[in-house]
Amino acid sequence: MTKDAILQCVKEIESKLAELRRVAEQLPELIESISDTQGSIDTKVKGLPTVQFVDKTCLHPVIAKAFAEMGVHGEPIGAEKVQEIIAACGVQPEDNTFSQGIIEMREE
């Protein structure tokens, strides 16, 4: 590796670090409070939503009803089977037809 190549790598790293610093400076401040009774640290991020875990078994009837209303029935068939069906319809994977459509929609 030449000296110029090394200097170019360093320049790219510096650029990436500068971008990371810019993004990090935009993050909300952390608020830390120390519990007097437990001696533990409770760290919360100001302004970010709280993640809650849901018992998914309660969602099954809701999802089943939504699928029924949309006319979706049967068992999932898996990604490989979907790819086989698409290929059987004459779509060539290397054409990236779906990706191109998504990209076009994003650019609108």
PDB file of N, CA and C in Angstrom:
ATOM      1  N   MET A   1       0.846  -1.175   0.000  1.00  0.00           N
ATOM      2  CA  MET A   1       0.000   0.000   0.000  1.00  0.00           C
ATOM      3  C   MET A   1       0.894   1.240   0.000  1.00  0.00           C
ATOM      4  N   THR A   2       0.598   2.158  -0.880  1.00  0.00           N
ATOM      5  CA  THR A   2       1.442   3.352  -1.000  1.00  0.00           C
ATOM      6  C   THR A   2       1.059   4.386   0.041  1.00  0.00           C
ATOM      7  N   LYS A   3       1.936   5.345   0.221  1.00  0.00           N
ATOM      8  CA  LYS A   3       1.684   6.429   1.169  1.00  0.00           C
ATOM      9  C   LYS A   3       0.435   7.202   0.758  1.00  0.00           C
ATOM     10  N   ASP A   4       0.270   7.454  -0.529  1.00  0.00           N
ATOM     11  CA  ASP A   4      -0.915   8.181  -1.005  1.00  0.00           C
ATOM     12  C   ASP A   4      -2.200   7.404  -0.719  1.00  0.00           C
ATOM     13  N   ALA A   5      -2.144   6.087  -0.883  1.00  0.00           N
ATOM     14  CA  ALA A   5      -3.319   5.254  -0.607  1.00  0.00           C
ATOM     15  C   ALA A   5      -3.676   5.292   0.869  1.00  0.00           C
ATOM     16  N   ILE A   6      -2.645   5.259   1.722  1.00  0.00           N
ATOM     17  CA  ILE A   6      -2.878   5.323   3.173  1.00  0.00           C
ATOM     18  C   ILE A   6      -3.483   6.671   3.542  1.00  0.00           C
ATOM     19  N   LEU A   7      -2.930   7.751   2.984  1.00  0.00           N
ATOM     20  CA  LEU A   7      -3.460   9.083   3.274  1.00  0.00           C
ATOM     21  C   LEU A   7      -4.906   9.223   2.787  1.00  0.00           C
ATOM     22  N   GLN A   8      -5.229   8.601   1.664  1.00  0.00           N
ATOM     23  CA  GLN A   8      -6.601   8.626   1.153  1.00  0.00           C
ATOM     24  C   GLN A   8      -7.537   7.889   2.105  1.00  0.00           C
ATOM     25  N   CYS A   9      -7.085   6.739   2.626  1.00  0.00           N
ATOM     26  CA  CYS A   9      -7.887   5.989   3.601  1.00  0.00           C
ATOM     27  C   CYS A   9      -8.128   6.807   4.856  1.00  0.00           C
ATOM     28  N   VAL A  10      -7.088   7.471   5.340  1.00  0.00           N
ATOM     29  CA  VAL A  10      -7.214   8.309   6.527  1.00  0.00           C
ATOM     30  C   VAL A  10      -8.206   9.439   6.269  1.00  0.00           C
ATOM     31  N   LYS A  11      -8.139  10.040   5.095  1.00  0.00           N
ATOM     32  CA  LYS A  11      -9.051  11.117   4.738  1.00  0.00           C
ATOM     33  C   LYS A  11     -10.505  10.624   4.730  1.00  0.00           C
ATOM     34  N   GLU A  12     -10.729   9.416   4.187  1.00  0.00           N
ATOM     35  CA  GLU A  12     -12.080   8.844   4.165  1.00  0.00           C
ATOM     36  C   GLU A  12     -12.577   8.558   5.573  1.00  0.00           C
ATOM     37  N   ILE A  13     -11.701   8.043   6.426  1.00  0.00           N
ATOM     38  CA  ILE A  13     -12.078   7.768   7.818  1.00  0.00           C
ATOM     39  C   ILE A  13     -12.429   9.066   8.535  1.00  0.00           C
ATOM     40  N   GLU A  14     -11.627  10.102   8.325  1.00  0.00           N
ATOM     41  CA  GLU A  14     -11.902  11.396   8.942  1.00  0.00           C
ATOM     42  C   GLU A  14     -13.258  11.935   8.497  1.00  0.00           C
ATOM     43  N   SER A  15     -13.570  11.765   7.234  1.00  0.00           N
ATOM     44  CA  SER A  15     -14.854  12.216   6.704  1.00  0.00           C
ATOM     45  C   SER A  15     -16.007  11.473   7.359  1.00  0.00           C
ATOM     46  N   LYS A  16     -15.862  10.161   7.496  1.00  0.00           N
ATOM     47  CA  LYS A  16     -16.903   9.354   8.129  1.00  0.00           C
ATOM     48  C   LYS A  16     -17.055   9.706   9.597  1.00  0.00           C
ATOM     49  N   LEU A  17     -15.936   9.946  10.276  1.00  0.00           N
ATOM     50  CA  LEU A  17     -15.989  10.349  11.680  1.00  0.00           C
ATOM     51  C   LEU A  17     -16.673  11.703  11.847  1.00  0.00           C
ATOM     52  N   ALA A  18     -16.418  12.610  10.943  1.00  0.00           N
ATOM     53  CA  ALA A  18     -17.061  13.922  11.001  1.00  0.00           C
ATOM     54  C   ALA A  18     -18.571  13.778  10.838  1.00  0.00           C
ATOM     55  N   GLU A  19     -18.998  12.909   9.939  1.00  0.00           N
ATOM     56  CA  GLU A  19     -20.419  12.660   9.738  1.00  0.00           C
ATOM     57  C   GLU A  19     -21.035  12.037  10.985  1.00  0.00           C
ATOM     58  N   LEU A  20     -20.341  11.065  11.591  1.00  0.00           N
ATOM     59  CA  LEU A  20     -20.833  10.447  12.817  1.00  0.00           C
ATOM     60  C   LEU A  20     -20.944  11.474  13.949  1.00  0.00           C
ATOM     61  N   ARG A  21     -19.962  12.363  14.040  1.00  0.00           N
ATOM     62  CA  ARG A  21     -19.998  13.402  15.071  1.00  0.00           C
ATOM     63  C   ARG A  21     -21.209  14.308  14.861  1.00  0.00           C
ATOM     64  N   ARG A  22     -21.473  14.677  13.589  1.00  0.00           N
ATOM     65  CA  ARG A  22     -22.605  15.545  13.285  1.00  0.00           C
ATOM     66  C   ARG A  22     -23.915  14.880  13.692  1.00  0.00           C
ATOM     67  N   VAL A  23     -24.046  13.586  13.380  1.00  0.00           N
ATOM     68  CA  VAL A  23     -25.266  12.859  13.728  1.00  0.00           C
ATOM     69  C   VAL A  23     -25.380  12.720  15.244  1.00  0.00           C
ATOM     70  N   ALA A  24     -24.273  12.384  15.914  1.00  0.00           N
ATOM     71  CA  ALA A  24     -24.296  12.211  17.364  1.00  0.00           C
ATOM     72  C   ALA A  24     -24.664  13.504  18.076  1.00  0.00           C
ATOM     73  N   GLU A  25     -24.229  14.625  17.556  1.00  0.00           N
ATOM     74  CA  GLU A  25     -24.546  15.908  18.185  1.00  0.00           C
ATOM     75  C   GLU A  25     -26.031  16.236  18.077  1.00  0.00           C
ATOM     76  N   GLN A  26     -26.732  15.617  17.147  1.00  0.00           N
ATOM     77  CA  GLN A  26     -28.156  15.860  16.981  1.00  0.00           C
ATOM     78  C   GLN A  26     -29.012  14.933  17.844  1.00  0.00           C
ATOM     79  N   LEU A  27     -28.391  13.916  18.465  1.00  0.00           N
ATOM     80  CA  LEU A  27     -29.131  13.003  19.325  1.00  0.00           C
ATOM     81  C   LEU A  27     -29.618  13.739  20.569  1.00  0.00           C
ATOM     82  N   PRO A  28     -30.777  13.318  21.104  1.00  0.00           N
ATOM     83  CA  PRO A  28     -31.249  13.939  22.339  1.00  0.00           C
ATOM     84  C   PRO A  28     -30.305  13.628  23.489  1.00  0.00           C
ATOM     85  N   GLU A  29     -30.312  14.509  24.467  1.00  0.00           N
ATOM     86  CA  GLU A  29     -29.451  14.328  25.631  1.00  0.00           C
ATOM     87  C   GLU A  29     -29.966  13.179  26.491  1.00  0.00           C
ATOM     88  N   LEU A  30     -29.046  12.467  27.128  1.00  0.00           N
ATOM     89  CA  LEU A  30     -29.430  11.418  28.057  1.00  0.00           C
ATOM     90  C   LEU A  30     -29.630  12.030  29.432  1.00  0.00           C
ATOM     91  N   ILE A  31     -30.693  11.603  30.079  1.00  0.00           N
ATOM     92  CA  ILE A  31     -30.962  12.064  31.442  1.00  0.00           C
ATOM     93  C   ILE A  31     -30.709  10.892  32.364  1.00  0.00           C
ATOM     94  N   GLU A  32     -29.782  11.030  33.263  1.00  0.00           N
ATOM     95  CA  GLU A  32     -29.460   9.954  34.183  1.00  0.00           C
ATOM     96  C   GLU A  32     -29.890  10.337  35.587  1.00  0.00           C
ATOM     97  N   SER A  33     -30.589   9.423  36.252  1.00  0.00           N
ATOM     98  CA  SER A  33     -30.955   9.654  37.645  1.00  0.00           C
ATOM     99  C   SER A  33     -30.535   8.441  38.443  1.00  0.00           C
ATOM    100  N   ILE A  34     -29.963   8.671  39.589  1.00  0.00           N
ATOM    101  CA  ILE A  34     -29.497   7.576  40.436  1.00  0.00           C
ATOM    102  C   ILE A  34     -30.527   7.350  41.530  1.00  0.00           C
ATOM    103  N   SER A  35     -31.008   6.123  41.610  1.00  0.00           N
ATOM    104  CA  SER A  35     -31.989   5.761  42.616  1.00  0.00           C
ATOM    105  C   SER A  35     -31.297   5.683  43.969  1.00  0.00           C
ATOM    106  N   ASP A  36     -31.821   6.437  44.963  1.00  0.00           N
ATOM    107  CA  ASP A  36     -31.202   6.457  46.292  1.00  0.00           C
ATOM    108  C   ASP A  36     -31.372   5.120  47.014  1.00  0.00           C
ATOM    109  N   THR A  37     -32.516   4.469  46.785  1.00  0.00           N
ATOM    110  CA  THR A  37     -32.766   3.238  47.521  1.00  0.00           C
ATOM    111  C   THR A  37     -32.060   2.043  46.907  1.00  0.00           C
ATOM    112  N   GLN A  38     -32.032   1.955  45.611  1.00  0.00           N
ATOM    113  CA  GLN A  38     -31.461   0.799  44.939  1.00  0.00           C
ATOM    114  C   GLN A  38     -29.991   0.982  44.599  1.00  0.00           C
ATOM    115  N   GLY A  39     -29.569   2.233  44.437  1.00  0.00           N
ATOM    116  CA  GLY A  39     -28.192   2.484  44.039  1.00  0.00           C
ATOM    117  C   GLY A  39     -27.960   2.190  42.571  1.00  0.00           C
ATOM    118  N   SER A  40     -29.052   1.979  41.811  1.00  0.00           N
ATOM    119  CA  SER A  40     -28.909   1.684  40.392  1.00  0.00           C
ATOM    120  C   SER A  40     -29.096   2.948  39.572  1.00  0.00           C
ATOM    121  N   ILE A  41     -28.657   2.888  38.346  1.00  0.00           N
ATOM    122  CA  ILE A  41     -28.772   4.031  37.454  1.00  0.00           C
ATOM    123  C   ILE A  41     -29.945   3.792  36.513  1.00  0.00           C
ATOM    124  N   ASP A  42     -30.854   4.768  36.464  1.00  0.00           N
ATOM    125  CA  ASP A  42     -31.999   4.703  35.556  1.00  0.00           C
ATOM    126  C   ASP A  42     -31.723   5.692  34.431  1.00  0.00           C
ATOM    127  N   THR A  43     -31.445   5.187  33.249  1.00  0.00           N
ATOM    128  CA  THR A  43     -31.113   6.050  32.118  1.00  0.00           C
ATOM    129  C   THR A  43     -32.288   6.103  31.164  1.00  0.00           C
ATOM    130  N   LYS A  44     -32.716   7.329  30.834  1.00  0.00           N
ATOM    131  CA  LYS A  44     -33.818   7.513  29.899  1.00  0.00           C
ATOM    132  C   LYS A  44     -33.374   8.457  28.797  1.00  0.00           C
ATOM    133  N   VAL A  45     -33.858   8.226  27.595  1.00  0.00           N
ATOM    134  CA  VAL A  45     -33.560   9.109  26.483  1.00  0.00           C
ATOM    135  C   VAL A  45     -34.744  10.046  26.321  1.00  0.00           C
ATOM    136  N   LYS A  46     -34.497  11.315  26.488  1.00  0.00           N
ATOM    137  CA  LYS A  46     -35.548  12.323  26.406  1.00  0.00           C
ATOM    138  C   LYS A  46     -36.073  12.430  24.980  1.00  0.00           C
ATOM    139  N   GLY A  47     -37.389  12.414  24.841  1.00  0.00           N
ATOM    140  CA  GLY A  47     -38.007  12.643  23.547  1.00  0.00           C
ATOM    141  C   GLY A  47     -38.178  11.412  22.669  1.00  0.00           C
ATOM    142  N   LEU A  48     -37.670  10.261  23.085  1.00  0.00           N
ATOM    143  CA  LEU A  48     -37.827   9.054  22.279  1.00  0.00           C
ATOM    144  C   LEU A  48     -38.971   8.216  22.840  1.00  0.00           C
ATOM    145  N   PRO A  49     -39.724   7.555  21.971  1.00  0.00           N
ATOM    146  CA  PRO A  49     -40.843   6.750  22.446  1.00  0.00           C
ATOM    147  C   PRO A  49     -40.362   5.534  23.232  1.00  0.00           C
ATOM    148  N   THR A  50     -41.204   5.068  24.128  1.00  0.00           N
ATOM    149  CA  THR A  50     -40.901   3.886  24.908  1.00  0.00           C
ATOM    150  C   THR A  50     -41.312   2.655  24.122  1.00  0.00           C
ATOM    151  N   VAL A  51     -40.475   1.654  24.106  1.00  0.00           N
ATOM    152  CA  VAL A  51     -40.785   0.407  23.420  1.00  0.00           C
ATOM    153  C   VAL A  51     -41.537  -0.490  24.391  1.00  0.00           C
ATOM    154  N   GLN A  52     -42.695  -0.971  23.960  1.00  0.00           N
ATOM    155  CA  GLN A  52     -43.475  -1.872  24.796  1.00  0.00           C
ATOM    156  C   GLN A  52     -43.624  -3.199  24.071  1.00  0.00           C
ATOM    157  N   PHE A  53     -43.506  -4.284  24.807  1.00  0.00           N
ATOM    158  CA  PHE A  53     -43.663  -5.604  24.228  1.00  0.00           C
ATOM    159  C   PHE A  53     -45.097  -6.060  24.442  1.00  0.00           C
ATOM    160  N   VAL A  54     -45.675  -6.626  23.412  1.00  0.00           N
ATOM    161  CA  VAL A  54     -47.073  -7.036  23.439  1.00  0.00           C
ATOM    162  C   VAL A  54     -47.148  -8.548  23.355  1.00  0.00           C
ATOM    163  N   ASP A  55     -48.087  -9.119  24.092  1.00  0.00           N
ATOM    164  CA  ASP A  55     -48.333 -10.548  23.991  1.00  0.00           C
ATOM    165  C   ASP A  55     -48.988 -10.812  22.645  1.00  0.00           C
ATOM    166  N   LYS A  56     -48.241 -11.407  21.739  1.00  0.00           N
ATOM    167  CA  LYS A  56     -48.713 -11.585  20.366  1.00  0.00           C
ATOM    168  C   LYS A  56     -49.886 -12.549  20.261  1.00  0.00           C
ATOM    169  N   THR A  57     -50.083 -13.404  21.265  1.00  0.00           N
ATOM    170  CA  THR A  57     -51.227 -14.314  21.209  1.00  0.00           C
ATOM    171  C   THR A  57     -52.539 -13.541  21.239  1.00  0.00           C
ATOM    172  N   CYS A  58     -52.538 -12.371  21.866  1.00  0.00           N
ATOM    173  CA  CYS A  58     -53.743 -11.531  21.894  1.00  0.00           C
ATOM    174  C   CYS A  58     -54.004 -10.922  20.516  1.00  0.00           C
ATOM    175  N   LEU A  59     -52.983 -10.804  19.697  1.00  0.00           N
ATOM    176  CA  LEU A  59     -53.131 -10.193  18.378  1.00  0.00           C
ATOM    177  C   LEU A  59     -53.633 -11.171  17.315  1.00  0.00           C
ATOM    178  N   HIS A  60     -53.508 -12.457  17.554  1.00  0.00           N
ATOM    179  CA  HIS A  60     -53.889 -13.459  16.554  1.00  0.00           C
ATOM    180  C   HIS A  60     -55.319 -13.277  16.053  1.00  0.00           C
ATOM    181  N   PRO A  61     -56.335 -13.111  16.938  1.00  0.00           N
ATOM    182  CA  PRO A  61     -57.695 -12.936  16.421  1.00  0.00           C
ATOM    183  C   PRO A  61     -57.852 -11.654  15.602  1.00  0.00           C
ATOM    184  N   VAL A  62     -57.168 -10.603  15.997  1.00  0.00           N
ATOM    185  CA  VAL A  62     -57.249  -9.331  15.275  1.00  0.00           C
ATOM    186  C   VAL A  62     -56.647  -9.485  13.878  1.00  0.00           C
ATOM    187  N   ILE A  63     -55.493 -10.132  13.796  1.00  0.00           N
ATOM    188  CA  ILE A  63     -54.828 -10.354  12.511  1.00  0.00           C
ATOM    189  C   ILE A  63     -55.675 -11.278  11.637  1.00  0.00           C
ATOM    190  N   ALA A  64     -56.224 -12.330  12.233  1.00  0.00           N
ATOM    191  CA  ALA A  64     -57.063 -13.275  11.476  1.00  0.00           C
ATOM    192  C   ALA A  64     -58.272 -12.554  10.885  1.00  0.00           C
ATOM    193  N   LYS A  65     -58.890 -11.676  11.664  1.00  0.00           N
ATOM    194  CA  LYS A  65     -60.048 -10.919  11.175  1.00  0.00           C
ATOM    195  C   LYS A  65     -59.643  -9.989  10.029  1.00  0.00           C
ATOM    196  N   ALA A  66     -58.501  -9.302  10.188  1.00  0.00           N
ATOM    197  CA  ALA A  66     -58.027  -8.387   9.137  1.00  0.00           C
ATOM    198  C   ALA A  66     -57.734  -9.152   7.854  1.00  0.00           C
ATOM    199  N   PHE A  67     -57.074 -10.292   7.974  1.00  0.00           N
ATOM    200  CA  PHE A  67     -56.783 -11.109   6.798  1.00  0.00           C
ATOM    201  C   PHE A  67     -58.073 -11.579   6.129  1.00  0.00           C
ATOM    202  N   ALA A  68     -59.056 -12.006   6.929  1.00  0.00           N
ATOM    203  CA  ALA A  68     -60.329 -12.466   6.374  1.00  0.00           C
ATOM    204  C   ALA A  68     -61.022 -11.340   5.617  1.00  0.00           C
ATOM    205  N   GLU A  69     -60.999 -10.129   6.175  1.00  0.00           N
ATOM    206  CA  GLU A  69     -61.625  -8.986   5.508  1.00  0.00           C
ATOM    207  C   GLU A  69     -60.926  -8.639   4.196  1.00  0.00           C
ATOM    208  N   MET A  70     -59.618  -8.906   4.116  1.00  0.00           N
ATOM    209  CA  MET A  70     -58.866  -8.629   2.891  1.00  0.00           C
ATOM    210  C   MET A  70     -58.908  -9.801   1.915  1.00  0.00           C
ATOM    211  N   GLY A  71     -59.490 -10.907   2.344  1.00  0.00           N
ATOM    212  CA  GLY A  71     -59.554 -12.074   1.477  1.00  0.00           C
ATOM    213  C   GLY A  71     -58.284 -12.905   1.473  1.00  0.00           C
ATOM    214  N   VAL A  72     -57.443 -12.714   2.455  1.00  0.00           N
ATOM    215  CA  VAL A  72     -56.201 -13.479   2.566  1.00  0.00           C
ATOM    216  C   VAL A  72     -56.505 -14.734   3.368  1.00  0.00           C
ATOM    217  N   HIS A  73     -56.190 -15.902   2.801  1.00  0.00           N
ATOM    218  CA  HIS A  73     -56.445 -17.152   3.495  1.00  0.00           C
ATOM    219  C   HIS A  73     -55.334 -18.154   3.178  1.00  0.00           C
ATOM    220  N   GLY A  74     -55.273 -19.195   3.982  1.00  0.00           N
ATOM    221  CA  GLY A  74     -54.255 -20.216   3.771  1.00  0.00           C
ATOM    222  C   GLY A  74     -53.023 -19.969   4.617  1.00  0.00           C
ATOM    223  N   GLU A  75     -52.097 -20.886   4.499  1.00  0.00           N
ATOM    224  CA  GLU A  75     -50.839 -20.812   5.245  1.00  0.00           C
ATOM    225  C   GLU A  75     -49.796 -20.044   4.435  1.00  0.00           C
ATOM    226  N   PRO A  76     -48.878 -19.355   5.115  1.00  0.00           N
ATOM    227  CA  PRO A  76     -47.784 -18.705   4.396  1.00  0.00           C
ATOM    228  C   PRO A  76     -46.982 -19.747   3.617  1.00  0.00           C
ATOM    229  N   ILE A  77     -46.489 -19.369   2.443  1.00  0.00           N
ATOM    230  CA  ILE A  77     -45.796 -20.334   1.601  1.00  0.00           C
ATOM    231  C   ILE A  77     -44.277 -20.179   1.628  1.00  0.00           C
ATOM    232  N   GLY A  78     -43.769 -19.113   2.163  1.00  0.00           N
ATOM    233  CA  GLY A  78     -42.321 -18.943   2.262  1.00  0.00           C
ATOM    234  C   GLY A  78     -41.729 -18.220   1.067  1.00  0.00           C
ATOM    235  N   ALA A  79     -40.589 -17.620   1.286  1.00  0.00           N
ATOM    236  CA  ALA A  79     -39.934 -16.780   0.277  1.00  0.00           C
ATOM    237  C   ALA A  79     -39.496 -17.566  -0.954  1.00  0.00           C
ATOM    238  N   GLU A  80     -38.949 -18.767  -0.750  1.00  0.00           N
ATOM    239  CA  GLU A  80     -38.474 -19.542  -1.900  1.00  0.00           C
ATOM    240  C   GLU A  80     -39.618 -19.898  -2.845  1.00  0.00           C
ATOM    241  N   LYS A  81     -40.763 -20.276  -2.267  1.00  0.00           N
ATOM    242  CA  LYS A  81     -41.916 -20.638  -3.094  1.00  0.00           C
ATOM    243  C   LYS A  81     -42.412 -19.414  -3.872  1.00  0.00           C
ATOM    244  N   VAL A  82     -42.429 -18.246  -3.218  1.00  0.00           N
ATOM    245  CA  VAL A  82     -42.835 -17.014  -3.902  1.00  0.00           C
ATOM    246  C   VAL A  82     -41.897 -16.743  -5.076  1.00  0.00           C
ATOM    247  N   GLN A  83     -40.598 -16.919  -4.859  1.00  0.00           N
ATOM    248  CA  GLN A  83     -39.631 -16.710  -5.931  1.00  0.00           C
ATOM    249  C   GLN A  83     -39.856 -17.688  -7.083  1.00  0.00           C
ATOM    250  N   GLU A  84     -40.203 -18.921  -6.760  1.00  0.00           N
ATOM    251  CA  GLU A  84     -40.493 -19.905  -7.808  1.00  0.00           C
ATOM    252  C   GLU A  84     -41.722 -19.491  -8.621  1.00  0.00           C
ATOM    253  N   ILE A  85     -42.761 -19.036  -7.935  1.00  0.00           N
ATOM    254  CA  ILE A  85     -43.993 -18.620  -8.611  1.00  0.00           C
ATOM    255  C   ILE A  85     -43.723 -17.430  -9.524  1.00  0.00           C
ATOM    256  N   ILE A  86     -42.961 -16.471  -9.024  1.00  0.00           N
ATOM    257  CA  ILE A  86     -42.634 -15.286  -9.819  1.00  0.00           C
ATOM    258  C   ILE A  86     -41.823 -15.697 -11.052  1.00  0.00           C
ATOM    259  N   ALA A  87     -40.848 -16.578 -10.856  1.00  0.00           N
ATOM    260  CA  ALA A  87     -40.026 -17.042 -11.984  1.00  0.00           C
ATOM    261  C   ALA A  87     -40.886 -17.787 -12.999  1.00  0.00           C
ATOM    262  N   ALA A  88     -41.860 -18.569 -12.511  1.00  0.00           N
ATOM    263  CA  ALA A  88     -42.747 -19.311 -13.421  1.00  0.00           C
ATOM    264  C   ALA A  88     -43.606 -18.371 -14.261  1.00  0.00           C
ATOM    265  N   CYS A  89     -43.810 -17.161 -13.771  1.00  0.00           N
ATOM    266  CA  CYS A  89     -44.586 -16.161 -14.528  1.00  0.00           C
ATOM    267  C   CYS A  89     -43.715 -15.432 -15.549  1.00  0.00           C
ATOM    268  N   GLY A  90     -42.426 -15.776 -15.612  1.00  0.00           N
ATOM    269  CA  GLY A  90     -41.545 -15.195 -16.618  1.00  0.00           C
ATOM    270  C   GLY A  90     -40.739 -13.993 -16.157  1.00  0.00           C
ATOM    271  N   VAL A  91     -40.816 -13.657 -14.875  1.00  0.00           N
ATOM    272  CA  VAL A  91     -40.038 -12.521 -14.367  1.00  0.00           C
ATOM    273  C   VAL A  91     -38.607 -12.982 -14.111  1.00  0.00           C
ATOM    274  N   GLN A  92     -37.650 -12.250 -14.652  1.00  0.00           N
ATOM    275  CA  GLN A  92     -36.242 -12.569 -14.481  1.00  0.00           C
ATOM    276  C   GLN A  92     -35.703 -11.837 -13.249  1.00  0.00           C
ATOM    277  N   PRO A  93     -35.135 -12.541 -12.262  1.00  0.00           N
ATOM    278  CA  PRO A  93     -34.634 -11.892 -11.045  1.00  0.00           C
ATOM    279  C   PRO A  93     -33.597 -10.808 -11.328  1.00  0.00           C
ATOM    280  N   GLU A  94     -32.769 -11.025 -12.363  1.00  0.00           N
ATOM    281  CA  GLU A  94     -31.710 -10.038 -12.653  1.00  0.00           C
ATOM    282  C   GLU A  94     -32.266  -8.742 -13.229  1.00  0.00           C
ATOM    283  N   ASP A  95     -33.549  -8.710 -13.609  1.00  0.00           N
ATOM    284  CA  ASP A  95     -34.153  -7.476 -14.122  1.00  0.00           C
ATOM    285  C   ASP A  95     -34.441  -6.477 -13.008  1.00  0.00           C
ATOM    286  N   ASN A  96     -34.514  -6.958 -11.785  1.00  0.00           N
ATOM    287  CA  ASN A  96     -34.802  -6.099 -10.626  1.00  0.00           C
ATOM    288  C   ASN A  96     -36.067  -5.278 -10.834  1.00  0.00           C
ATOM    289  N   THR A  97     -37.085  -5.871 -11.416  1.00  0.00           N
ATOM    290  CA  THR A  97     -38.314  -5.161 -11.744  1.00  0.00           C
ATOM    291  C   THR A  97     -38.946  -4.511 -10.520  1.00  0.00           C
ATOM    292  N   PHE A  98     -39.047  -5.275  -9.449  1.00  0.00           N
ATOM    293  CA  PHE A  98     -39.679  -4.739  -8.245  1.00  0.00           C
ATOM    294  C   PHE A  98     -38.830  -3.628  -7.624  1.00  0.00           C
ATOM    295  N   SER A  99     -37.533  -3.851  -7.558  1.00  0.00           N
ATOM    296  CA  SER A  99     -36.643  -2.828  -6.988  1.00  0.00           C
ATOM    297  C   SER A  99     -36.708  -1.545  -7.808  1.00  0.00           C
ATOM    298  N   GLN A 100     -36.741  -1.683  -9.125  1.00  0.00           N
ATOM    299  CA  GLN A 100     -36.806  -0.498  -9.978  1.00  0.00           C
ATOM    300  C   GLN A 100     -38.098   0.276  -9.727  1.00  0.00           C
ATOM    301  N   GLY A 101     -39.197  -0.444  -9.539  1.00  0.00           N
ATOM    302  CA  GLY A 101     -40.471   0.212  -9.238  1.00  0.00           C
ATOM    303  C   GLY A 101     -40.429   0.967  -7.926  1.00  0.00           C
ATOM    304  N   ILE A 102     -39.817   0.363  -6.918  1.00  0.00           N
ATOM    305  CA  ILE A 102     -39.693   1.027  -5.613  1.00  0.00           C
ATOM    306  C   ILE A 102     -38.817   2.263  -5.738  1.00  0.00           C
ATOM    307  N   ILE A 103     -37.716   2.142  -6.450  1.00  0.00           N
ATOM    308  CA  ILE A 103     -36.807   3.286  -6.636  1.00  0.00           C
ATOM    309  C   ILE A 103     -37.522   4.417  -7.368  1.00  0.00           C
ATOM    310  N   GLU A 104     -38.285   4.082  -8.404  1.00  0.00           N
ATOM    311  CA  GLU A 104     -39.029   5.108  -9.154  1.00  0.00           C
ATOM    312  C   GLU A 104     -40.037   5.804  -8.252  1.00  0.00           C
ATOM    313  N   MET A 105     -40.715   5.046  -7.410  1.00  0.00           N
ATOM    314  CA  MET A 105     -41.707   5.632  -6.502  1.00  0.00           C
ATOM    315  C   MET A 105     -41.038   6.571  -5.510  1.00  0.00           C
ATOM    316  N   ARG A 106     -39.866   6.206  -5.020  1.00  0.00           N
ATOM    317  CA  ARG A 106     -39.137   7.061  -4.062  1.00  0.00           C
ATOM    318  C   ARG A 106     -38.711   8.375  -4.710  1.00  0.00           C
ATOM    319  N   GLU A 107     -38.381   8.311  -5.989  1.00  0.00           N
ATOM    320  CA  GLU A 107     -37.876   9.498  -6.684  1.00  0.00           C
ATOM    321  C   GLU A 107     -38.979  10.468  -7.096  1.00  0.00           C
ATOM    322  N   GLU A 108     -40.246  10.033  -6.975  1.00  0.00           N
ATOM    323  CA  GLU A 108     -41.358  10.917  -7.376  1.00  0.00           C
ATOM    324  C   GLU A 108     -41.532  12.065  -6.411  1.00  0.00           C
TER     325      GLU A 108
END
